[in-house]
Amino acid sequence: MQILIKDIISKSFAVSTEDGDKIFSILNENFINKEKVALDFKGITLMTTAFLNAAIGQLYSNNKYSSIFLNESLILQNVEDQDKHLFKLVVNRAKEYFANKKEFEKNSDDTIYGGN
């Protein structure tokens, strides 16, 4: 299956978590059925990690899908060179976060509210 991001979110800016959630839902539905998906970013002129965290980062939650499965099943197309690093950042953060969610949240709370 091929998904043209711009057609789903109806704009050239992929910036909101709401739009990312739309993409995640489509990906998740296809991956549950073990289908490969090509995400086409043609026409996307601005992208943020907030969008990518919602669209792709969630795929790593609770070991929902393995990295191997995602590497084989998710194909990224027409990603601008300046945006490629965002994918690596989002994937690495998602892996770290979901691998040790409790410790990550504790450290965040300690930083924000002052820990003992």
N, C-alpha and C. Protein backbone atom coordinates (compact mmCIF):
# COMPACT_ATOMS: atom_id res chain seq x y z
N MET A 1 0.84 -1.18 0.00
CA MET A 1 0.00 0.00 0.00
C MET A 1 0.88 1.24 0.00
N GLN A 2 0.46 2.27 -0.70
CA GLN A 2 1.17 3.54 -0.72
C GLN A 2 0.28 4.62 -0.12
N ILE A 3 0.87 5.40 0.78
CA ILE A 3 0.15 6.49 1.43
C ILE A 3 0.85 7.80 1.08
N LEU A 4 0.14 8.68 0.42
CA LEU A 4 0.64 10.02 0.14
C LEU A 4 0.22 10.90 1.32
N ILE A 5 1.18 11.24 2.15
CA ILE A 5 0.92 11.99 3.38
C ILE A 5 0.07 13.22 3.11
N LYS A 6 0.45 13.96 2.09
CA LYS A 6 -0.25 15.23 1.78
C LYS A 6 -1.75 14.99 1.54
N ASP A 7 -2.11 13.87 0.93
CA ASP A 7 -3.52 13.57 0.69
C ASP A 7 -4.27 13.27 1.98
N ILE A 8 -3.59 12.65 2.94
CA ILE A 8 -4.24 12.28 4.20
C ILE A 8 -4.43 13.51 5.10
N ILE A 9 -3.40 14.35 5.19
CA ILE A 9 -3.48 15.49 6.12
C ILE A 9 -3.99 16.76 5.44
N SER A 10 -4.12 16.74 4.13
CA SER A 10 -4.69 17.85 3.35
C SER A 10 -3.92 19.16 3.48
N LYS A 11 -2.61 19.04 3.64
CA LYS A 11 -1.75 20.24 3.67
C LYS A 11 -0.30 19.82 3.43
N SER A 12 0.55 20.80 3.20
CA SER A 12 1.95 20.49 2.92
C SER A 12 2.82 20.56 4.17
N PHE A 13 2.22 20.89 5.32
CA PHE A 13 2.96 20.96 6.58
C PHE A 13 2.59 19.76 7.45
N ALA A 14 3.55 18.90 7.72
CA ALA A 14 3.35 17.74 8.61
C ALA A 14 3.93 18.12 9.97
N VAL A 15 3.11 18.81 10.77
CA VAL A 15 3.62 19.37 12.01
C VAL A 15 2.86 18.96 13.27
N SER A 16 1.60 18.60 13.15
CA SER A 16 0.80 18.36 14.36
C SER A 16 0.74 16.89 14.75
N THR A 17 0.55 16.68 16.04
CA THR A 17 0.39 15.30 16.53
C THR A 17 -0.93 14.72 16.02
N GLU A 18 -1.93 15.55 15.85
CA GLU A 18 -3.22 15.06 15.34
C GLU A 18 -3.05 14.46 13.95
N ASP A 19 -2.31 15.15 13.10
CA ASP A 19 -2.05 14.62 11.76
C ASP A 19 -1.18 13.36 11.83
N GLY A 20 -0.22 13.37 12.73
CA GLY A 20 0.60 12.17 12.92
C GLY A 20 -0.21 10.99 13.37
N ASP A 21 -1.20 11.23 14.23
CA ASP A 21 -2.07 10.16 14.69
C ASP A 21 -2.88 9.56 13.54
N LYS A 22 -3.28 10.39 12.58
CA LYS A 22 -3.99 9.88 11.40
C LYS A 22 -3.11 8.88 10.64
N ILE A 23 -1.85 9.25 10.47
CA ILE A 23 -0.91 8.38 9.74
C ILE A 23 -0.66 7.11 10.55
N PHE A 24 -0.47 7.25 11.86
CA PHE A 24 -0.24 6.09 12.71
C PHE A 24 -1.40 5.10 12.59
N SER A 25 -2.62 5.58 12.61
CA SER A 25 -3.78 4.70 12.53
C SER A 25 -3.77 3.88 11.24
N ILE A 26 -3.43 4.53 10.14
CA ILE A 26 -3.37 3.83 8.86
C ILE A 26 -2.24 2.80 8.87
N LEU A 27 -1.07 3.22 9.37
CA LEU A 27 0.06 2.29 9.43
C LEU A 27 -0.28 1.09 10.31
N ASN A 28 -0.80 1.37 11.49
CA ASN A 28 -1.12 0.31 12.43
C ASN A 28 -2.10 -0.70 11.83
N GLU A 29 -3.12 -0.20 11.17
CA GLU A 29 -4.12 -1.08 10.55
C GLU A 29 -3.47 -1.99 9.51
N ASN A 30 -2.58 -1.43 8.70
CA ASN A 30 -1.90 -2.23 7.68
C ASN A 30 -0.90 -3.20 8.29
N PHE A 31 -0.19 -2.77 9.32
CA PHE A 31 0.80 -3.65 9.94
C PHE A 31 0.15 -4.79 10.70
N ILE A 32 -1.02 -4.56 11.28
CA ILE A 32 -1.75 -5.65 11.93
C ILE A 32 -2.02 -6.76 10.92
N ASN A 33 -2.26 -6.35 9.67
CA ASN A 33 -2.52 -7.30 8.60
C ASN A 33 -1.25 -7.74 7.88
N LYS A 34 -0.09 -7.38 8.46
CA LYS A 34 1.22 -7.77 7.93
C LYS A 34 1.47 -7.25 6.52
N GLU A 35 0.92 -6.08 6.22
CA GLU A 35 1.11 -5.47 4.91
C GLU A 35 2.26 -4.47 4.94
N LYS A 36 2.97 -4.37 3.84
CA LYS A 36 4.01 -3.36 3.70
C LYS A 36 3.36 -2.04 3.30
N VAL A 37 3.96 -0.95 3.77
CA VAL A 37 3.42 0.37 3.49
C VAL A 37 4.55 1.30 3.04
N ALA A 38 4.28 2.02 1.96
CA ALA A 38 5.20 3.07 1.51
C ALA A 38 4.58 4.40 1.90
N LEU A 39 5.30 5.14 2.75
CA LEU A 39 4.88 6.49 3.13
C LEU A 39 5.55 7.47 2.18
N ASP A 40 4.76 8.18 1.43
CA ASP A 40 5.28 9.11 0.44
C ASP A 40 5.13 10.54 0.95
N PHE A 41 6.26 11.21 1.11
CA PHE A 41 6.28 12.58 1.63
C PHE A 41 6.33 13.63 0.52
N LYS A 42 5.99 13.23 -0.70
CA LYS A 42 5.99 14.17 -1.82
C LYS A 42 5.03 15.32 -1.50
N GLY A 43 5.51 16.54 -1.66
CA GLY A 43 4.69 17.72 -1.42
C GLY A 43 4.72 18.23 0.00
N ILE A 44 5.39 17.51 0.89
CA ILE A 44 5.52 17.98 2.28
C ILE A 44 6.72 18.93 2.34
N THR A 45 6.45 20.16 2.71
CA THR A 45 7.50 21.17 2.72
C THR A 45 8.03 21.48 4.11
N LEU A 46 7.30 21.06 5.14
CA LEU A 46 7.74 21.27 6.52
C LEU A 46 7.29 20.08 7.35
N MET A 47 8.20 19.56 8.17
CA MET A 47 7.90 18.41 9.01
C MET A 47 8.54 18.61 10.37
N THR A 48 7.84 18.17 11.43
CA THR A 48 8.37 18.30 12.79
C THR A 48 8.46 16.94 13.46
N THR A 49 9.25 16.89 14.53
CA THR A 49 9.34 15.66 15.30
C THR A 49 8.03 15.36 16.01
N ALA A 50 7.24 16.37 16.33
CA ALA A 50 5.93 16.12 16.95
C ALA A 50 5.07 15.26 16.03
N PHE A 51 5.05 15.61 14.77
CA PHE A 51 4.31 14.82 13.78
C PHE A 51 4.88 13.40 13.69
N LEU A 52 6.20 13.30 13.57
CA LEU A 52 6.83 11.98 13.41
C LEU A 52 6.72 11.12 14.65
N ASN A 53 6.78 11.73 15.83
CA ASN A 53 6.58 10.95 17.06
C ASN A 53 5.20 10.30 17.06
N ALA A 54 4.20 11.06 16.66
CA ALA A 54 2.84 10.52 16.63
C ALA A 54 2.67 9.49 15.51
N ALA A 55 3.23 9.77 14.35
CA ALA A 55 3.05 8.89 13.19
C ALA A 55 3.88 7.62 13.28
N ILE A 56 5.13 7.76 13.67
CA ILE A 56 6.07 6.63 13.61
C ILE A 56 6.55 6.20 14.98
N GLY A 57 6.83 7.13 15.87
CA GLY A 57 7.34 6.79 17.20
C GLY A 57 6.43 5.83 17.95
N GLN A 58 5.12 6.02 17.81
CA GLN A 58 4.16 5.15 18.50
C GLN A 58 4.26 3.70 18.06
N LEU A 59 4.79 3.45 16.90
CA LEU A 59 4.91 2.07 16.42
C LEU A 59 5.82 1.24 17.32
N TYR A 60 6.68 1.91 18.07
CA TYR A 60 7.61 1.22 18.96
C TYR A 60 7.04 1.03 20.37
N SER A 61 5.83 1.53 20.63
CA SER A 61 5.27 1.46 21.98
C SER A 61 4.97 0.02 22.38
N ASN A 62 5.35 -0.29 23.61
CA ASN A 62 5.09 -1.61 24.19
C ASN A 62 5.51 -2.74 23.27
N ASN A 63 6.61 -2.52 22.56
CA ASN A 63 7.12 -3.52 21.62
C ASN A 63 6.04 -3.95 20.62
N LYS A 64 5.22 -3.01 20.23
CA LYS A 64 4.13 -3.28 19.29
C LYS A 64 4.66 -3.96 18.03
N TYR A 65 5.72 -3.39 17.48
CA TYR A 65 6.36 -3.96 16.29
C TYR A 65 7.86 -3.95 16.51
N SER A 66 8.53 -4.96 16.03
CA SER A 66 9.99 -5.01 16.18
C SER A 66 10.64 -4.10 15.15
N SER A 67 11.86 -3.72 15.45
CA SER A 67 12.62 -2.90 14.50
C SER A 67 12.79 -3.64 13.18
N ILE A 68 13.00 -4.93 13.26
CA ILE A 68 13.17 -5.73 12.04
C ILE A 68 11.90 -5.67 11.20
N PHE A 69 10.75 -5.88 11.85
CA PHE A 69 9.48 -5.82 11.12
C PHE A 69 9.30 -4.45 10.47
N LEU A 70 9.55 -3.38 11.23
CA LEU A 70 9.37 -2.03 10.70
C LEU A 70 10.34 -1.73 9.57
N ASN A 71 11.57 -2.19 9.70
CA ASN A 71 12.55 -1.98 8.62
C ASN A 71 12.12 -2.66 7.33
N GLU A 72 11.47 -3.80 7.47
CA GLU A 72 11.03 -4.56 6.29
C GLU A 72 9.68 -4.07 5.75
N SER A 73 8.86 -3.48 6.61
CA SER A 73 7.47 -3.18 6.24
C SER A 73 7.17 -1.72 5.98
N LEU A 74 8.04 -0.83 6.43
CA LEU A 74 7.81 0.61 6.26
C LEU A 74 8.85 1.19 5.31
N ILE A 75 8.37 1.70 4.21
CA ILE A 75 9.24 2.30 3.19
C ILE A 75 8.96 3.79 3.15
N LEU A 76 10.00 4.59 3.27
CA LEU A 76 9.86 6.04 3.23
C LEU A 76 10.27 6.54 1.85
N GLN A 77 9.42 7.36 1.25
CA GLN A 77 9.69 7.88 -0.09
C GLN A 77 9.61 9.40 -0.10
N ASN A 78 10.44 9.99 -0.95
CA ASN A 78 10.42 11.44 -1.18
C ASN A 78 10.60 12.26 0.09
N VAL A 79 11.52 11.81 0.94
CA VAL A 79 11.87 12.56 2.15
C VAL A 79 12.98 13.54 1.78
N GLU A 80 12.78 14.80 2.10
CA GLU A 80 13.79 15.82 1.83
C GLU A 80 15.06 15.51 2.62
N ASP A 81 16.21 15.79 2.03
CA ASP A 81 17.49 15.51 2.70
C ASP A 81 17.57 16.15 4.08
N GLN A 82 17.08 17.38 4.21
CA GLN A 82 17.18 18.07 5.49
C GLN A 82 16.27 17.45 6.55
N ASP A 83 15.33 16.59 6.16
CA ASP A 83 14.42 15.96 7.12
C ASP A 83 14.82 14.55 7.53
N LYS A 84 15.76 13.95 6.83
CA LYS A 84 16.12 12.55 7.10
C LYS A 84 16.61 12.34 8.53
N HIS A 85 17.35 13.30 9.08
CA HIS A 85 17.86 13.16 10.44
C HIS A 85 16.72 13.10 11.47
N LEU A 86 15.57 13.72 11.14
CA LEU A 86 14.43 13.71 12.06
C LEU A 86 13.92 12.29 12.30
N PHE A 87 13.93 11.46 11.26
CA PHE A 87 13.47 10.09 11.40
C PHE A 87 14.37 9.30 12.36
N LYS A 88 15.67 9.47 12.19
CA LYS A 88 16.61 8.77 13.06
C LYS A 88 16.42 9.23 14.51
N LEU A 89 16.28 10.51 14.71
CA LEU A 89 16.07 11.08 16.04
C LEU A 89 14.81 10.50 16.69
N VAL A 90 13.72 10.50 15.95
CA VAL A 90 12.44 10.01 16.47
C VAL A 90 12.52 8.52 16.79
N VAL A 91 13.09 7.74 15.91
CA VAL A 91 13.19 6.29 16.14
C VAL A 91 14.07 6.00 17.35
N ASN A 92 15.22 6.67 17.45
CA ASN A 92 16.10 6.44 18.60
C ASN A 92 15.44 6.82 19.91
N ARG A 93 14.75 7.96 19.93
CA ARG A 93 14.04 8.39 21.14
C ARG A 93 12.94 7.41 21.51
N ALA A 94 12.20 6.96 20.52
CA ALA A 94 11.09 6.02 20.79
C ALA A 94 11.63 4.72 21.36
N LYS A 95 12.70 4.21 20.79
CA LYS A 95 13.30 2.97 21.29
C LYS A 95 13.76 3.14 22.73
N GLU A 96 14.45 4.25 23.02
CA GLU A 96 14.92 4.51 24.38
C GLU A 96 13.76 4.65 25.35
N TYR A 97 12.78 5.42 24.97
CA TYR A 97 11.64 5.70 25.84
C TYR A 97 10.87 4.42 26.15
N PHE A 98 10.51 3.66 25.14
CA PHE A 98 9.67 2.49 25.37
C PHE A 98 10.45 1.32 25.95
N ALA A 99 11.76 1.33 25.83
CA ALA A 99 12.57 0.27 26.45
C ALA A 99 12.60 0.42 27.96
N ASN A 100 12.51 1.65 28.46
CA ASN A 100 12.58 1.88 29.89
C ASN A 100 11.67 3.04 30.27
N LYS A 101 10.39 2.88 29.97
CA LYS A 101 9.41 3.94 30.12
C LYS A 101 9.31 4.48 31.55
N LYS A 102 9.27 3.59 32.54
CA LYS A 102 9.12 4.04 33.93
C LYS A 102 10.30 4.90 34.37
N GLU A 103 11.50 4.45 34.07
CA GLU A 103 12.70 5.20 34.46
C GLU A 103 12.75 6.54 33.73
N PHE A 104 12.40 6.55 32.45
CA PHE A 104 12.39 7.77 31.66
C PHE A 104 11.41 8.78 32.25
N GLU A 105 10.20 8.31 32.60
CA GLU A 105 9.19 9.21 33.16
C GLU A 105 9.59 9.70 34.55
N LYS A 106 10.21 8.83 35.36
CA LYS A 106 10.68 9.24 36.67
C LYS A 106 11.74 10.33 36.54
N ASN A 107 12.69 10.13 35.66
CA ASN A 107 13.74 11.14 35.46
C ASN A 107 13.15 12.46 34.97
N SER A 108 12.15 12.38 34.08
CA SER A 108 11.50 13.60 33.61
C SER A 108 10.77 14.30 34.75
N ASP A 109 10.04 13.53 35.55
CA ASP A 109 9.33 14.12 36.70
C ASP A 109 10.30 14.73 37.68
N ASP A 110 11.41 14.03 37.96
CA ASP A 110 12.42 14.56 38.88
C ASP A 110 13.00 15.86 38.38
N THR A 111 13.20 15.93 37.08
CA THR A 111 13.76 17.15 36.48
C THR A 111 12.77 18.31 36.59
N ILE A 112 11.52 18.02 36.32
CA ILE A 112 10.50 19.08 36.33
C ILE A 112 10.10 19.47 37.75
N TYR A 113 9.85 18.47 38.60
CA TYR A 113 9.29 18.74 39.93
C TYR A 113 10.32 18.65 41.05
N GLY A 114 11.53 18.27 40.73
CA GLY A 114 12.57 18.13 41.75
C GLY A 114 12.44 16.78 42.45
N GLY A 115 13.42 15.94 42.25
CA GLY A 115 13.37 14.59 42.82
C GLY A 115 14.16 14.49 44.09
N ASN A 116 13.95 13.42 44.77
CA ASN A 116 14.67 13.17 46.03
C ASN A 116 15.93 12.43 45.77
